[in-house]
């Protein structure tokens, strides 16, 4: 009996010893292999209340680590599984596993700056707001957009980006994809980190939730986003947005100019409810009165509701619409009906 117990105990100790040796070998291996060697500097966010499983899963999705389960195992053996702290962390290229864990378990010292970008905000609006908050100058912002055109490693992270966005003027690069929302940036955050956070937000709040509609739509996502930016400025209510989107898609189908006042206001940097005839003759590829089809790209960064409206419009028989001086949207089924309403409310 004694010998059996001794042998059993010895067997258990031997097993434990084997596990420890295997783990030591694993740790030595993972310190150099678990973190991706081609990791590029980026911002990683841990939200309050996130579990180790969620944190490790996000690390793998972001390309920081190669295996989320091995990372969890490492955190367990290093006794840090409950020590990961919420915050925004700068992960630098060439980090070791120990450096990564130390970074994600260290209290954040940098102060956050709260910035709110309204729905329908343009890139110029964003640049001005960032400068006002002393995060980036307007020049740094637009020069940064221009440099991104050649940063393939960064851009390849985002499947929704269309190369067409980089054919526009540098002030319009990525316009449409910088999701309007309230953000918290650290004062020392770089241009790339700020843009990455906005693109991640776009992915999480527009691209992923609308995947089914995007895949089934006959128009390219860039076309949808461009139309959504016009709808954003034309309409306020969700139903009106969906009606207007159908009117615009119908016009495009028969090559009828969109004649969107929103595009004229974008070109002239105005907010007129009814632009003048002279306004509608302004020379610009964004002028949808003189140019058939969609403009070269989004005229702002639209809201979720505008993108959804452009993906799922309400089919209707309207051909035109206008806004009254009181801000009411009136739809018409014929051009004659539209002209009568226009004369009634605008005098021509």
C-alpha atoms as a PDB file:
ATOM      1  CA  UNK A   1       0.000   0.000   0.000  1.00  0.00           C
ATOM      2  CA  UNK A   2       2.802   2.368   0.943  1.00  0.00           C
ATOM      3  CA  UNK A   3       4.703   1.613  -2.250  1.00  0.00           C
ATOM      4  CA  UNK A   4       1.593   2.238  -4.362  1.00  0.00           C
ATOM      5  CA  UNK A   5       1.008   5.625  -2.706  1.00  0.00           C
ATOM      6  CA  UNK A   6       4.649   6.549  -3.076  1.00  0.00           C
ATOM      7  CA  UNK A   7       4.647   5.569  -6.713  1.00  0.00           C
ATOM      8  CA  UNK A   8       1.405   7.516  -7.293  1.00  0.00           C
ATOM      9  CA  UNK A   9       2.848  10.582  -5.597  1.00  0.00           C
ATOM     10  CA  UNK A  10       6.034  10.245  -7.562  1.00  0.00           C
ATOM     11  CA  UNK A  11       4.044   9.934 -10.768  1.00  0.00           C
ATOM     12  CA  UNK A  12       2.085  13.120 -10.000  1.00  0.00           C
ATOM     13  CA  UNK A  13       5.250  15.022  -9.155  1.00  0.00           C
ATOM     14  CA  UNK A  14       6.839  13.742 -12.332  1.00  0.00           C
ATOM     15  CA  UNK A  15       3.844  14.937 -14.360  1.00  0.00           C
ATOM     16  CA  UNK A  16       3.921  18.355 -12.725  1.00  0.00           C
ATOM     17  CA  UNK A  17       7.633  18.577 -13.375  1.00  0.00           C
ATOM     18  CA  UNK A  18       7.066  17.703 -17.016  1.00  0.00           C
ATOM     19  CA  UNK A  19       4.372  20.398 -17.344  1.00  0.00           C
ATOM     20  CA  UNK A  20       6.662  22.975 -15.747  1.00  0.00           C
ATOM     21  CA  UNK A  21       9.526  22.080 -18.119  1.00  0.00           C
ATOM     22  CA  UNK A  22       7.194  22.229 -21.129  1.00  0.00           C
ATOM     23  CA  UNK A  23       5.900  25.602 -19.986  1.00  0.00           C
ATOM     24  CA  UNK A  24       9.400  26.985 -19.425  1.00  0.00           C
ATOM     25  CA  UNK A  25      10.301  25.923 -22.957  1.00  0.00           C
ATOM     26  CA  UNK A  26       7.051  27.437 -24.208  1.00  0.00           C
ATOM     27  CA  UNK A  27       7.692  30.735 -22.427  1.00  0.00           C
ATOM     28  CA  UNK A  28      11.182  30.933 -23.883  1.00  0.00           C
ATOM     29  CA  UNK A  29       9.705  30.267 -27.322  1.00  0.00           C
ATOM     30  CA  UNK A  30       6.730  32.607 -26.995  1.00  0.00           C
ATOM     31  CA  UNK A  31       8.825  35.525 -25.793  1.00  0.00           C
ATOM     32  CA  UNK A  32      10.276  35.728 -29.257  1.00  0.00           C
ATOM     33  CA  UNK A  33       7.506  34.191 -31.365  1.00  0.00           C
ATOM     34  CA  UNK A  34       4.070  34.979 -29.891  1.00  0.00           C
ATOM     35  CA  UNK A  35       4.258  38.694 -30.737  1.00  0.00           C
ATOM     36  CA  UNK A  36       4.265  39.370 -34.472  1.00  0.00           C
ATOM     37  CA  UNK A  37       7.718  40.383 -35.645  1.00  0.00           C
ATOM     38  CA  UNK A  38       6.269  42.681 -38.307  1.00  0.00           C
ATOM     39  CA  UNK A  39       4.154  44.561 -35.767  1.00  0.00           C
ATOM     40  CA  UNK A  40       3.871  48.225 -36.691  1.00  0.00           C
ATOM     41  CA  UNK A  41       3.407  50.956 -34.127  1.00  0.00           C
ATOM     42  CA  UNK A  42      -0.271  51.295 -33.292  1.00  0.00           C
ATOM     43  CA  UNK A  43      -2.770  52.284 -30.640  1.00  0.00           C
ATOM     44  CA  UNK A  44      -4.547  49.464 -28.794  1.00  0.00           C
ATOM     45  CA  UNK A  45      -7.579  50.103 -26.596  1.00  0.00           C
ATOM     46  CA  UNK A  46      -8.760  48.081 -23.603  1.00  0.00           C
ATOM     47  CA  UNK A  47     -12.276  49.081 -22.605  1.00  0.00           C
ATOM     48  CA  UNK A  48     -13.510  49.015 -19.042  1.00  0.00           C
ATOM     49  CA  UNK A  49     -14.891  45.614 -18.087  1.00  0.00           C
ATOM     50  CA  UNK A  50     -13.253  43.658 -20.911  1.00  0.00           C
ATOM     51  CA  UNK A  51     -12.227  40.105 -20.051  1.00  0.00           C
ATOM     52  CA  UNK A  52      -8.836  38.564 -20.783  1.00  0.00           C
ATOM     53  CA  UNK A  53     -10.537  36.499 -23.487  1.00  0.00           C
ATOM     54  CA  UNK A  54     -11.821  39.673 -25.213  1.00  0.00           C
ATOM     55  CA  UNK A  55      -8.479  41.462 -24.833  1.00  0.00           C
ATOM     56  CA  UNK A  56      -6.463  38.577 -26.268  1.00  0.00           C
ATOM     57  CA  UNK A  57      -8.969  38.101 -29.099  1.00  0.00           C
ATOM     58  CA  UNK A  58      -8.637  41.789 -30.051  1.00  0.00           C
ATOM     59  CA  UNK A  59      -4.836  41.553 -29.896  1.00  0.00           C
ATOM     60  CA  UNK A  60      -4.916  38.696 -32.396  1.00  0.00           C
ATOM     61  CA  UNK A  61      -7.420  40.468 -34.685  1.00  0.00           C
ATOM     62  CA  UNK A  62      -5.221  43.561 -34.662  1.00  0.00           C
ATOM     63  CA  UNK A  63      -2.236  41.486 -35.696  1.00  0.00           C
ATOM     64  CA  UNK A  64      -0.332  42.136 -32.454  1.00  0.00           C
ATOM     65  CA  UNK A  65      -0.088  38.483 -31.403  1.00  0.00           C
ATOM     66  CA  UNK A  66      -0.243  35.209 -33.319  1.00  0.00           C
ATOM     67  CA  UNK A  67      -2.429  33.164 -30.986  1.00  0.00           C
ATOM     68  CA  UNK A  68      -4.936  34.472 -28.432  1.00  0.00           C
ATOM     69  CA  UNK A  69      -5.144  31.190 -26.480  1.00  0.00           C
ATOM     70  CA  UNK A  70      -1.384  31.021 -25.958  1.00  0.00           C
ATOM     71  CA  UNK A  71      -1.449  34.647 -24.830  1.00  0.00           C
ATOM     72  CA  UNK A  72      -4.123  33.804 -22.237  1.00  0.00           C
ATOM     73  CA  UNK A  73      -2.055  30.842 -21.046  1.00  0.00           C
ATOM     74  CA  UNK A  74       0.983  33.091 -20.704  1.00  0.00           C
ATOM     75  CA  UNK A  75      -1.015  35.655 -18.730  1.00  0.00           C
ATOM     76  CA  UNK A  76      -2.201  32.880 -16.408  1.00  0.00           C
ATOM     77  CA  UNK A  77       1.273  31.524 -15.675  1.00  0.00           C
ATOM     78  CA  UNK A  78       2.709  35.014 -15.277  1.00  0.00           C
ATOM     79  CA  UNK A  79      -0.092  35.751 -12.794  1.00  0.00           C
ATOM     80  CA  UNK A  80      -1.322  38.841 -14.681  1.00  0.00           C
ATOM     81  CA  UNK A  81      -4.642  37.521 -16.010  1.00  0.00           C
ATOM     82  CA  UNK A  82      -6.604  40.025 -13.845  1.00  0.00           C
ATOM     83  CA  UNK A  83      -4.121  42.890 -14.093  1.00  0.00           C
ATOM     84  CA  UNK A  84      -4.893  44.255 -17.559  1.00  0.00           C
ATOM     85  CA  UNK A  85      -6.075  47.853 -17.218  1.00  0.00           C
ATOM     86  CA  UNK A  86      -8.545  49.836 -19.365  1.00  0.00           C
ATOM     87  CA  UNK A  87      -6.948  52.563 -21.443  1.00  0.00           C
ATOM     88  CA  UNK A  88      -5.397  53.493 -24.759  1.00  0.00           C
ATOM     89  CA  UNK A  89      -1.924  52.015 -25.206  1.00  0.00           C
ATOM     90  CA  UNK A  90       0.795  52.738 -27.738  1.00  0.00           C
ATOM     91  CA  UNK A  91       2.242  49.445 -28.955  1.00  0.00           C
ATOM     92  CA  UNK A  92       5.623  49.916 -30.593  1.00  0.00           C
ATOM     93  CA  UNK A  93       7.173  47.819 -33.340  1.00  0.00           C
ATOM     94  CA  UNK A  94       9.644  45.199 -32.150  1.00  0.00           C
ATOM     95  CA  UNK A  95       8.055  44.735 -28.721  1.00  0.00           C
ATOM     96  CA  UNK A  96       8.788  41.496 -26.869  1.00  0.00           C
ATOM     97  CA  UNK A  97       6.054  39.529 -25.128  1.00  0.00           C
ATOM     98  CA  UNK A  98       7.215  40.773 -21.718  1.00  0.00           C
ATOM     99  CA  UNK A  99       7.175  44.376 -22.955  1.00  0.00           C
ATOM    100  CA  UNK A 100       3.686  43.915 -24.371  1.00  0.00           C
ATOM    101  CA  UNK A 101       2.319  42.512 -21.117  1.00  0.00           C
ATOM    102  CA  UNK A 102       4.059  45.184 -19.046  1.00  0.00           C
ATOM    103  CA  UNK A 103       2.590  47.896 -21.274  1.00  0.00           C
ATOM    104  CA  UNK A 104      -0.963  46.548 -21.023  1.00  0.00           C
ATOM    105  CA  UNK A 105      -0.795  46.173 -17.242  1.00  0.00           C
ATOM    106  CA  UNK A 106       0.692  49.607 -16.501  1.00  0.00           C
ATOM    107  CA  UNK A 107      -1.566  52.512 -15.437  1.00  0.00           C
ATOM    108  CA  UNK A 108      -2.017  55.156 -18.110  1.00  0.00           C
ATOM    109  CA  UNK A 109      -0.451  58.504 -17.223  1.00  0.00           C
ATOM    110  CA  UNK A 110      -1.260  60.535 -20.328  1.00  0.00           C
ATOM    111  CA  UNK A 111      -4.272  62.826 -20.165  1.00  0.00           C
ATOM    112  CA  UNK A 112      -7.099  62.239 -22.637  1.00  0.00           C
ATOM    113  CA  UNK A 113      -8.599  64.926 -24.826  1.00  0.00           C
ATOM    114  CA  UNK A 114     -12.295  64.582 -25.635  1.00  0.00           C
ATOM    115  CA  UNK A 115     -13.210  65.509 -29.210  1.00  0.00           C
ATOM    116  CA  UNK A 116     -16.672  65.370 -30.808  1.00  0.00           C
ATOM    117  CA  UNK A 117     -17.121  65.327 -34.590  1.00  0.00           C
ATOM    118  CA  UNK A 118     -20.694  65.975 -35.714  1.00  0.00           C
ATOM    119  CA  UNK A 119     -22.502  63.858 -38.305  1.00  0.00           C
ATOM    120  CA  UNK A 120     -21.795  65.176 -41.783  1.00  0.00           C
ATOM    121  CA  UNK A 121     -18.505  66.776 -40.743  1.00  0.00           C
ATOM    122  CA  UNK A 122     -15.899  67.262 -43.486  1.00  0.00           C
ATOM    123  CA  UNK A 123     -12.189  66.528 -43.315  1.00  0.00           C
ATOM    124  CA  UNK A 124     -11.576  70.270 -43.078  1.00  0.00           C
ATOM    125  CA  UNK A 125     -13.900  70.409 -40.059  1.00  0.00           C
ATOM    126  CA  UNK A 126     -11.988  67.533 -38.474  1.00  0.00           C
ATOM    127  CA  UNK A 127      -8.628  69.222 -39.080  1.00  0.00           C
ATOM    128  CA  UNK A 128      -9.856  72.470 -37.526  1.00  0.00           C
ATOM    129  CA  UNK A 129     -11.256  70.680 -34.476  1.00  0.00           C
ATOM    130  CA  UNK A 130      -8.030  68.720 -33.897  1.00  0.00           C
ATOM    131  CA  UNK A 131      -6.018  71.925 -34.152  1.00  0.00           C
ATOM    132  CA  UNK A 132      -8.365  73.681 -31.734  1.00  0.00           C
ATOM    133  CA  UNK A 133      -7.836  70.836 -29.261  1.00  0.00           C
ATOM    134  CA  UNK A 134      -4.024  71.149 -29.698  1.00  0.00           C
ATOM    135  CA  UNK A 135      -3.715  67.590 -30.984  1.00  0.00           C
ATOM    136  CA  UNK A 136      -2.594  68.235 -34.571  1.00  0.00           C
ATOM    137  CA  UNK A 137      -2.227  71.302 -36.764  1.00  0.00           C
ATOM    138  CA  UNK A 138      -4.301  71.401 -39.946  1.00  0.00           C
ATOM    139  CA  UNK A 139      -1.110  71.090 -41.951  1.00  0.00           C
ATOM    140  CA  UNK A 140      -0.037  67.990 -40.013  1.00  0.00           C
ATOM    141  CA  UNK A 141      -3.460  66.447 -40.566  1.00  0.00           C
ATOM    142  CA  UNK A 142      -3.579  66.944 -44.329  1.00  0.00           C
ATOM    143  CA  UNK A 143       0.087  66.080 -44.851  1.00  0.00           C
ATOM    144  CA  UNK A 144      -0.606  62.917 -42.886  1.00  0.00           C
ATOM    145  CA  UNK A 145      -3.507  62.007 -45.166  1.00  0.00           C
ATOM    146  CA  UNK A 146      -1.261  62.439 -48.179  1.00  0.00           C
ATOM    147  CA  UNK A 147       1.443  60.188 -46.688  1.00  0.00           C
ATOM    148  CA  UNK A 148      -1.080  57.441 -46.000  1.00  0.00           C
ATOM    149  CA  UNK A 149      -1.421  56.838 -49.732  1.00  0.00           C
ATOM    150  CA  UNK A 150       1.923  55.039 -49.666  1.00  0.00           C
ATOM    151  CA  UNK A 151       1.503  53.239 -46.342  1.00  0.00           C
ATOM    152  CA  UNK A 152       0.237  49.918 -47.686  1.00  0.00           C
ATOM    153  CA  UNK A 153       0.782  48.047 -44.406  1.00  0.00           C
ATOM    154  CA  UNK A 154      -1.523  50.479 -42.623  1.00  0.00           C
ATOM    155  CA  UNK A 155      -4.184  50.627 -45.340  1.00  0.00           C
ATOM    156  CA  UNK A 156      -4.305  46.854 -45.832  1.00  0.00           C
ATOM    157  CA  UNK A 157      -5.810  46.590 -42.350  1.00  0.00           C
ATOM    158  CA  UNK A 158      -9.082  47.981 -43.723  1.00  0.00           C
ATOM    159  CA  UNK A 159     -10.898  45.934 -46.350  1.00  0.00           C
ATOM    160  CA  UNK A 160     -13.501  48.651 -46.907  1.00  0.00           C
ATOM    161  CA  UNK A 161     -11.046  51.249 -48.216  1.00  0.00           C
ATOM    162  CA  UNK A 162     -11.427  51.980 -51.926  1.00  0.00           C
ATOM    163  CA  UNK A 163      -8.329  53.099 -53.824  1.00  0.00           C
ATOM    164  CA  UNK A 164     -10.515  55.729 -55.449  1.00  0.00           C
ATOM    165  CA  UNK A 165     -10.387  57.746 -52.243  1.00  0.00           C
ATOM    166  CA  UNK A 166      -6.672  58.356 -52.872  1.00  0.00           C
ATOM    167  CA  UNK A 167      -7.272  59.836 -56.317  1.00  0.00           C
ATOM    168  CA  UNK A 168      -8.947  62.888 -54.846  1.00  0.00           C
ATOM    169  CA  UNK A 169      -7.428  66.089 -53.530  1.00  0.00           C
ATOM    170  CA  UNK A 170      -5.459  65.448 -50.339  1.00  0.00           C
ATOM    171  CA  UNK A 171      -8.111  67.300 -48.310  1.00  0.00           C
ATOM    172  CA  UNK A 172     -10.639  64.660 -49.386  1.00  0.00           C
ATOM    173  CA  UNK A 173      -8.499  61.562 -48.781  1.00  0.00           C
ATOM    174  CA  UNK A 174     -10.446  59.126 -46.551  1.00  0.00           C
ATOM    175  CA  UNK A 175     -13.383  61.529 -46.422  1.00  0.00           C
ATOM    176  CA  UNK A 176     -16.468  59.430 -45.803  1.00  0.00           C
ATOM    177  CA  UNK A 177     -14.564  56.858 -43.733  1.00  0.00           C
ATOM    178  CA  UNK A 178     -13.703  59.052 -40.721  1.00  0.00           C
ATOM    179  CA  UNK A 179     -16.702  58.153 -38.605  1.00  0.00           C
ATOM    180  CA  UNK A 180     -18.345  61.118 -36.826  1.00  0.00           C
ATOM    181  CA  UNK A 181     -18.462  60.363 -33.107  1.00  0.00           C
ATOM    182  CA  UNK A 182     -17.061  61.399 -29.724  1.00  0.00           C
ATOM    183  CA  UNK A 183     -13.453  60.284 -29.261  1.00  0.00           C
ATOM    184  CA  UNK A 184     -10.853  60.393 -26.539  1.00  0.00           C
ATOM    185  CA  UNK A 185      -7.304  60.871 -27.756  1.00  0.00           C
ATOM    186  CA  UNK A 186      -4.153  61.088 -25.712  1.00  0.00           C
ATOM    187  CA  UNK A 187      -2.329  64.383 -26.116  1.00  0.00           C
ATOM    188  CA  UNK A 188       0.745  62.742 -27.600  1.00  0.00           C
ATOM    189  CA  UNK A 189      -1.250  60.594 -30.035  1.00  0.00           C
ATOM    190  CA  UNK A 190       0.246  60.648 -33.539  1.00  0.00           C
ATOM    191  CA  UNK A 191      -1.686  61.392 -36.706  1.00  0.00           C
ATOM    192  CA  UNK A 192      -1.679  57.701 -37.648  1.00  0.00           C
ATOM    193  CA  UNK A 193      -3.063  56.672 -34.266  1.00  0.00           C
ATOM    194  CA  UNK A 194      -5.897  59.193 -34.516  1.00  0.00           C
ATOM    195  CA  UNK A 195      -6.847  58.056 -38.012  1.00  0.00           C
ATOM    196  CA  UNK A 196      -6.581  54.398 -37.000  1.00  0.00           C
ATOM    197  CA  UNK A 197      -9.005  54.953 -34.146  1.00  0.00           C
ATOM    198  CA  UNK A 198     -11.519  56.657 -36.457  1.00  0.00           C
ATOM    199  CA  UNK A 199     -11.229  53.944 -39.109  1.00  0.00           C
ATOM    200  CA  UNK A 200     -11.639  51.224 -36.481  1.00  0.00           C
ATOM    201  CA  UNK A 201     -14.765  52.992 -35.302  1.00  0.00           C
ATOM    202  CA  UNK A 202     -16.069  53.175 -38.886  1.00  0.00           C
ATOM    203  CA  UNK A 203     -15.470  49.449 -39.248  1.00  0.00           C
ATOM    204  CA  UNK A 204     -17.242  48.598 -35.989  1.00  0.00           C
ATOM    205  CA  UNK A 205     -20.199  50.945 -36.367  1.00  0.00           C
ATOM    206  CA  UNK A 206     -20.880  50.985 -40.107  1.00  0.00           C
ATOM    207  CA  UNK A 207     -18.999  48.432 -42.201  1.00  0.00           C
ATOM    208  CA  UNK A 208     -19.465  45.327 -40.023  1.00  0.00           C
ATOM    209  CA  UNK A 209     -23.093  45.935 -38.932  1.00  0.00           C
ATOM    210  CA  UNK A 210     -24.154  46.570 -42.560  1.00  0.00           C
ATOM    211  CA  UNK A 211     -22.239  43.677 -44.143  1.00  0.00           C
ATOM    212  CA  UNK A 212     -25.356  41.885 -45.408  1.00  0.00           C
ATOM    213  CA  UNK A 213     -26.696  44.986 -47.176  1.00  0.00           C
ATOM    214  CA  UNK A 214     -23.259  45.904 -48.546  1.00  0.00           C
ATOM    215  CA  UNK A 215     -22.686  42.471 -50.087  1.00  0.00           C
ATOM    216  CA  UNK A 216     -26.143  42.297 -51.673  1.00  0.00           C
ATOM    217  CA  UNK A 217     -26.029  45.841 -53.066  1.00  0.00           C
ATOM    218  CA  UNK A 218     -25.377  46.256 -56.794  1.00  0.00           C
ATOM    219  CA  UNK A 219     -23.452  49.483 -56.227  1.00  0.00           C
ATOM    220  CA  UNK A 220     -19.885  49.620 -54.920  1.00  0.00           C
ATOM    221  CA  UNK A 221     -19.508  50.537 -51.265  1.00  0.00           C
ATOM    222  CA  UNK A 222     -17.664  53.707 -52.265  1.00  0.00           C
ATOM    223  CA  UNK A 223     -20.635  54.746 -54.423  1.00  0.00           C
ATOM    224  CA  UNK A 224     -22.991  54.018 -51.525  1.00  0.00           C
ATOM    225  CA  UNK A 225     -20.848  56.088 -49.161  1.00  0.00           C
ATOM    226  CA  UNK A 226     -20.682  58.949 -51.662  1.00  0.00           C
ATOM    227  CA  UNK A 227     -24.461  59.031 -52.036  1.00  0.00           C
ATOM    228  CA  UNK A 228     -24.881  58.719 -48.263  1.00  0.00           C
ATOM    229  CA  UNK A 229     -22.813  61.868 -47.780  1.00  0.00           C
ATOM    230  CA  UNK A 230     -25.203  63.759 -50.073  1.00  0.00           C
ATOM    231  CA  UNK A 231     -28.277  62.337 -48.346  1.00  0.00           C
ATOM    232  CA  UNK A 232     -26.724  63.357 -45.007  1.00  0.00           C
ATOM    233  CA  UNK A 233     -26.889  67.035 -45.971  1.00  0.00           C
ATOM    234  CA  UNK A 234     -30.197  66.867 -47.838  1.00  0.00           C
ATOM    235  CA  UNK A 235     -32.361  65.219 -45.178  1.00  0.00           C
ATOM    236  CA  UNK A 236     -32.683  64.996 -41.384  1.00  0.00           C
ATOM    237  CA  UNK A 237     -35.307  62.308 -40.797  1.00  0.00           C
ATOM    238  CA  UNK A 238     -34.589  58.639 -41.436  1.00  0.00           C
ATOM    239  CA  UNK A 239     -37.652  58.071 -43.640  1.00  0.00           C
ATOM    240  CA  UNK A 240     -36.907  61.153 -45.751  1.00  0.00           C
ATOM    241  CA  UNK A 241     -33.327  59.957 -46.159  1.00  0.00           C
ATOM    242  CA  UNK A 242     -34.514  56.615 -47.519  1.00  0.00           C
ATOM    243  CA  UNK A 243     -36.966  58.308 -49.894  1.00  0.00           C
ATOM    244  CA  UNK A 244     -34.316  60.738 -51.146  1.00  0.00           C
ATOM    245  CA  UNK A 245     -31.807  57.925 -51.625  1.00  0.00           C
ATOM    246  CA  UNK A 246     -34.247  56.137 -53.942  1.00  0.00           C
ATOM    247  CA  UNK A 247     -34.841  59.357 -55.913  1.00  0.00           C
ATOM    248  CA  UNK A 248     -31.085  59.761 -56.390  1.00  0.00           C
ATOM    249  CA  UNK A 249     -30.489  56.111 -57.358  1.00  0.00           C
ATOM    250  CA  UNK A 250     -33.364  56.366 -59.882  1.00  0.00           C
ATOM    251  CA  UNK A 251     -31.838  59.495 -61.382  1.00  0.00           C
ATOM    252  CA  UNK A 252     -28.462  57.837 -61.711  1.00  0.00           C
ATOM    253  CA  UNK A 253     -30.085  54.907 -63.476  1.00  0.00           C
ATOM    254  CA  UNK A 254     -31.432  57.123 -66.268  1.00  0.00           C
ATOM    255  CA  UNK A 255     -28.419  59.466 -66.293  1.00  0.00           C
ATOM    256  CA  UNK A 256     -30.434  62.399 -64.911  1.00  0.00           C
ATOM    257  CA  UNK A 257     -28.213  64.851 -63.024  1.00  0.00           C
ATOM    258  CA  UNK A 258     -28.633  64.587 -59.255  1.00  0.00           C
ATOM    259  CA  UNK A 259     -28.918  68.394 -58.917  1.00  0.00           C
ATOM    260  CA  UNK A 260     -28.087  68.237 -55.227  1.00  0.00           C
ATOM    261  CA  UNK A 261     -27.869  71.560 -53.425  1.00  0.00           C
ATOM    262  CA  UNK A 262     -25.681  69.826 -50.841  1.00  0.00           C
ATOM    263  CA  UNK A 263     -22.895  69.467 -53.407  1.00  0.00           C
ATOM    264  CA  UNK A 264     -23.114  73.181 -54.292  1.00  0.00           C
ATOM    265  CA  UNK A 265     -22.886  74.133 -50.624  1.00  0.00           C
ATOM    266  CA  UNK A 266     -19.879  71.820 -50.305  1.00  0.00           C
ATOM    267  CA  UNK A 267     -18.063  73.487 -53.195  1.00  0.00           C
ATOM    268  CA  UNK A 268     -18.837  77.035 -52.038  1.00  0.00           C
ATOM    269  CA  UNK A 269     -18.585  76.260 -48.297  1.00  0.00           C
ATOM    270  CA  UNK A 270     -22.087  77.685 -47.727  1.00  0.00           C
ATOM    271  CA  UNK A 271     -25.277  76.477 -46.033  1.00  0.00           C
ATOM    272  CA  UNK A 272     -27.957  77.838 -48.360  1.00  0.00           C
ATOM    273  CA  UNK A 273     -31.355  76.135 -48.417  1.00  0.00           C
ATOM    274  CA  UNK A 274     -31.768  77.295 -52.000  1.00  0.00           C
ATOM    275  CA  UNK A 275     -28.588  78.111 -53.966  1.00  0.00           C
ATOM    276  CA  UNK A 276     -28.906  80.644 -56.790  1.00  0.00           C
ATOM    277  CA  UNK A 277     -28.728  79.725 -60.465  1.00  0.00           C
ATOM    278  CA  UNK A 278     -25.271  81.316 -60.560  1.00  0.00           C
ATOM    279  CA  UNK A 279     -24.219  79.073 -57.660  1.00  0.00           C
ATOM    280  CA  UNK A 280     -25.273  75.986 -59.604  1.00  0.00           C
ATOM    281  CA  UNK A 281     -22.980  76.935 -62.484  1.00  0.00           C
ATOM    282  CA  UNK A 282     -19.796  76.855 -60.399  1.00  0.00           C
ATOM    283  CA  UNK A 283     -17.030  74.876 -62.079  1.00  0.00           C
ATOM    284  CA  UNK A 284     -16.198  71.759 -60.060  1.00  0.00           C
ATOM    285  CA  UNK A 285     -16.283  67.985 -60.494  1.00  0.00           C
ATOM    286  CA  UNK A 286     -18.451  67.986 -57.348  1.00  0.00           C
ATOM    287  CA  UNK A 287     -21.161  70.072 -59.072  1.00  0.00           C
ATOM    288  CA  UNK A 288     -24.038  67.618 -59.572  1.00  0.00           C
ATOM    289  CA  UNK A 289     -26.019  70.206 -61.567  1.00  0.00           C
ATOM    290  CA  UNK A 290     -23.507  70.400 -64.406  1.00  0.00           C
ATOM    291  CA  UNK A 291     -22.021  66.897 -64.089  1.00  0.00           C
ATOM    292  CA  UNK A 292     -24.156  63.756 -64.408  1.00  0.00           C
ATOM    293  CA  UNK A 293     -23.535  60.877 -62.040  1.00  0.00           C
ATOM    294  CA  UNK A 294     -22.018  60.857 -58.584  1.00  0.00           C
ATOM    295  CA  UNK A 295     -19.302  63.318 -57.536  1.00  0.00           C
ATOM    296  CA  UNK A 296     -15.695  62.001 -57.263  1.00  0.00           C
ATOM    297  CA  UNK A 297     -16.210  60.975 -53.649  1.00  0.00           C
ATOM    298  CA  UNK A 298     -18.078  61.683 -50.375  1.00  0.00           C
ATOM    299  CA  UNK A 299     -18.679  65.353 -49.566  1.00  0.00           C
ATOM    300  CA  UNK A 300     -18.543  64.634 -45.821  1.00  0.00           C
ATOM    301  CA  UNK A 301     -18.337  61.841 -43.283  1.00  0.00           C
ATOM    302  CA  UNK A 302     -21.930  60.574 -43.070  1.00  0.00           C
ATOM    303  CA  UNK A 303     -23.843  59.050 -40.178  1.00  0.00           C
ATOM    304  CA  UNK A 304     -24.933  55.449 -39.844  1.00  0.00           C
ATOM    305  CA  UNK A 305     -28.539  56.332 -40.737  1.00  0.00           C
ATOM    306  CA  UNK A 306     -27.507  57.972 -44.027  1.00  0.00           C
ATOM    307  CA  UNK A 307     -25.351  55.011 -45.057  1.00  0.00           C
ATOM    308  CA  UNK A 308     -28.140  52.600 -44.176  1.00  0.00           C
ATOM    309  CA  UNK A 309     -30.646  54.726 -46.117  1.00  0.00           C
ATOM    310  CA  UNK A 310     -28.449  54.558 -49.218  1.00  0.00           C
ATOM    311  CA  UNK A 311     -28.163  50.793 -48.855  1.00  0.00           C
ATOM    312  CA  UNK A 312     -31.849  50.278 -48.124  1.00  0.00           C
ATOM    313  CA  UNK A 313     -33.872  53.083 -49.762  1.00  0.00           C
ATOM    314  CA  UNK A 314     -37.678  53.189 -49.803  1.00  0.00           C
ATOM    315  CA  UNK A 315     -38.817  52.605 -53.377  1.00  0.00           C
ATOM    316  CA  UNK A 316     -41.101  55.417 -54.551  1.00  0.00           C
ATOM    317  CA  UNK A 317     -42.456  57.265 -57.604  1.00  0.00           C
ATOM    318  CA  UNK A 318     -40.953  60.645 -56.740  1.00  0.00           C
ATOM    319  CA  UNK A 319     -38.585  62.349 -59.145  1.00  0.00           C
ATOM    320  CA  UNK A 320     -37.784  65.535 -57.229  1.00  0.00           C
ATOM    321  CA  UNK A 321     -37.808  67.127 -53.814  1.00  0.00           C
ATOM    322  CA  UNK A 322     -37.138  70.508 -52.260  1.00  0.00           C
ATOM    323  CA  UNK A 323     -36.849  72.041 -48.843  1.00  0.00           C
ATOM    324  CA  UNK A 324     -39.119  74.923 -47.769  1.00  0.00           C
ATOM    325  CA  UNK A 325     -37.801  78.021 -45.959  1.00  0.00           C
ATOM    326  CA  UNK A 326     -39.091  76.367 -42.753  1.00  0.00           C
ATOM    327  CA  UNK A 327     -36.962  73.295 -43.374  1.00  0.00           C
ATOM    328  CA  UNK A 328     -39.765  70.945 -44.485  1.00  0.00           C
ATOM    329  CA  UNK A 329     -38.955  68.424 -47.210  1.00  0.00           C
ATOM    330  CA  UNK A 330     -41.491  68.200 -50.048  1.00  0.00           C
ATOM    331  CA  UNK A 331     -41.388  65.384 -52.604  1.00  0.00           C
ATOM    332  CA  UNK A 332     -42.932  65.567 -56.082  1.00  0.00           C
ATOM    333  CA  UNK A 333     -43.859  62.909 -58.666  1.00  0.00           C
ATOM    334  CA  UNK A 334     -43.497  65.161 -61.705  1.00  0.00           C
ATOM    335  CA  UNK A 335     -41.216  68.018 -62.679  1.00  0.00           C
ATOM    336  CA  UNK A 336     -44.282  70.226 -63.140  1.00  0.00           C
ATOM    337  CA  UNK A 337     -45.413  69.577 -59.568  1.00  0.00           C
ATOM    338  CA  UNK A 338     -41.883  70.278 -58.354  1.00  0.00           C
ATOM    339  CA  UNK A 339     -41.714  73.590 -60.256  1.00  0.00           C
ATOM    340  CA  UNK A 340     -45.052  74.716 -58.815  1.00  0.00           C
ATOM    341  CA  UNK A 341     -43.827  74.078 -55.276  1.00  0.00           C
ATOM    342  CA  UNK A 342     -40.545  75.771 -56.035  1.00  0.00           C
ATOM    343  CA  UNK A 343     -42.350  78.877 -57.330  1.00  0.00           C
ATOM    344  CA  UNK A 344     -44.643  78.888 -54.286  1.00  0.00           C
ATOM    345  CA  UNK A 345     -41.881  78.742 -51.710  1.00  0.00           C
ATOM    346  CA  UNK A 346     -38.919  80.301 -53.490  1.00  0.00           C
ATOM    347  CA  UNK A 347     -40.511  82.582 -56.058  1.00  0.00           C
ATOM    348  CA  UNK A 348     -39.031  81.034 -59.229  1.00  0.00           C
END
